[in-house]
């Protein structure tokens, strides 16, 4: 799993655990500070927003690279193939020696 995915999952788990602890403490008669609750969820809200922004920027950069690649092929009068449009080869497709897996 990617680090960003793991951090988002752990953030959700932390929010659920914090909420459960606050509810249990509330039922037992202890009061959790409203400021603590507010800032806890602000921190994780910013975490989720930054994770979403990272994913959006990665998508836009990949899309722009594909567009630039297609424009470069058209400028050089080369045919645009299906692999060029869908992103072509990724780093996962190749072995260190340059051999294609499949």
Protein backbone atom coordinates (compact mmCIF):
# COMPACT_ATOMS: atom_id res chain seq x y z
CA UNK A 1 0.00 0.00 0.00
CA UNK A 2 1.10 3.53 -0.65
CA UNK A 3 2.06 5.77 2.25
CA UNK A 4 -0.69 8.30 1.49
CA UNK A 5 -3.37 5.59 1.56
CA UNK A 6 -2.07 4.23 4.86
CA UNK A 7 -1.99 7.69 6.44
CA UNK A 8 -5.59 8.40 5.38
CA UNK A 9 -6.77 5.05 6.78
CA UNK A 10 -4.96 5.65 10.06
CA UNK A 11 -6.43 9.16 10.25
CA UNK A 12 -9.95 7.78 9.88
CA UNK A 13 -9.23 5.20 12.57
CA UNK A 14 -7.88 7.92 14.88
CA UNK A 15 -11.03 10.01 14.36
CA UNK A 16 -13.29 7.04 15.08
CA UNK A 17 -11.34 6.07 18.21
CA UNK A 18 -11.30 9.68 19.46
CA UNK A 19 -15.05 9.98 18.93
CA UNK A 20 -15.69 6.70 20.74
CA UNK A 21 -13.50 7.76 23.69
CA UNK A 22 -15.29 11.12 23.91
CA UNK A 23 -18.69 9.39 23.91
CA UNK A 24 -17.64 6.89 26.59
CA UNK A 25 -16.18 9.64 28.76
CA UNK A 26 -19.37 11.66 28.28
CA UNK A 27 -21.49 8.71 29.40
CA UNK A 28 -19.29 8.27 32.47
CA UNK A 29 -19.79 11.90 33.46
CA UNK A 30 -16.45 13.34 32.37
CA UNK A 31 -16.46 16.35 30.10
CA UNK A 32 -13.98 16.55 27.21
CA UNK A 33 -12.97 20.09 26.34
CA UNK A 34 -14.80 21.52 23.35
CA UNK A 35 -11.59 23.19 22.22
CA UNK A 36 -9.74 19.86 22.23
CA UNK A 37 -12.46 18.26 20.12
CA UNK A 38 -12.55 21.22 17.73
CA UNK A 39 -8.82 21.33 17.10
CA UNK A 40 -8.50 17.55 16.88
CA UNK A 41 -10.95 17.47 13.98
CA UNK A 42 -9.42 20.58 12.39
CA UNK A 43 -6.04 18.83 12.27
CA UNK A 44 -7.47 15.74 10.62
CA UNK A 45 -9.64 17.82 8.29
CA UNK A 46 -6.49 19.53 7.05
CA UNK A 47 -4.85 16.09 6.73
CA UNK A 48 -7.68 14.82 4.51
CA UNK A 49 -7.71 18.03 2.45
CA UNK A 50 -3.95 17.81 1.84
CA UNK A 51 -4.19 14.14 0.87
CA UNK A 52 -6.93 15.00 -1.63
CA UNK A 53 -4.89 17.91 -3.01
CA UNK A 54 -1.85 15.67 -3.49
CA UNK A 55 -3.94 13.13 -5.43
CA UNK A 56 -5.50 15.88 -7.58
CA UNK A 57 -2.11 17.38 -8.44
CA UNK A 58 -0.63 13.96 -9.27
CA UNK A 59 -3.53 13.32 -11.65
CA UNK A 60 -3.20 16.72 -13.32
CA UNK A 61 0.57 16.36 -13.74
CA UNK A 62 0.18 12.90 -15.30
CA UNK A 63 -2.53 14.20 -17.63
CA UNK A 64 -0.34 17.15 -18.69
CA UNK A 65 2.64 14.83 -19.32
CA UNK A 66 0.48 12.63 -21.54
CA UNK A 67 -0.77 15.68 -23.45
CA UNK A 68 2.79 16.97 -23.91
CA UNK A 69 3.89 13.54 -25.14
CA UNK A 70 1.08 13.43 -27.72
CA UNK A 71 1.83 16.99 -28.86
CA UNK A 72 5.51 16.06 -29.24
CA UNK A 73 4.61 13.02 -31.35
CA UNK A 74 2.34 15.11 -33.58
CA UNK A 75 5.04 17.77 -34.05
CA UNK A 76 7.47 15.09 -35.24
CA UNK A 77 4.85 13.53 -37.59
CA UNK A 78 4.86 10.26 -35.66
CA UNK A 79 1.71 8.16 -35.23
CA UNK A 80 -0.10 8.41 -31.91
CA UNK A 81 -0.69 4.91 -30.56
CA UNK A 82 -3.06 3.67 -27.87
CA UNK A 83 -0.20 3.31 -25.33
CA UNK A 84 0.66 6.98 -25.81
CA UNK A 85 -2.87 8.07 -24.91
CA UNK A 86 -3.31 5.87 -21.82
CA UNK A 87 0.08 6.75 -20.39
CA UNK A 88 2.11 4.04 -22.08
CA UNK A 89 4.78 2.34 -20.06
CA UNK A 90 5.09 2.89 -16.36
CA UNK A 91 8.09 2.24 -14.17
CA UNK A 92 6.39 -0.90 -12.84
CA UNK A 93 6.41 -2.51 -16.30
CA UNK A 94 10.18 -2.71 -16.56
CA UNK A 95 12.87 -4.65 -14.79
CA UNK A 96 16.18 -2.99 -13.88
CA UNK A 97 17.87 -4.49 -16.96
CA UNK A 98 15.24 -3.01 -19.26
CA UNK A 99 13.42 -6.28 -19.91
CA UNK A 100 9.66 -5.93 -20.26
CA UNK A 101 7.68 -8.31 -18.03
CA UNK A 102 4.57 -8.78 -20.04
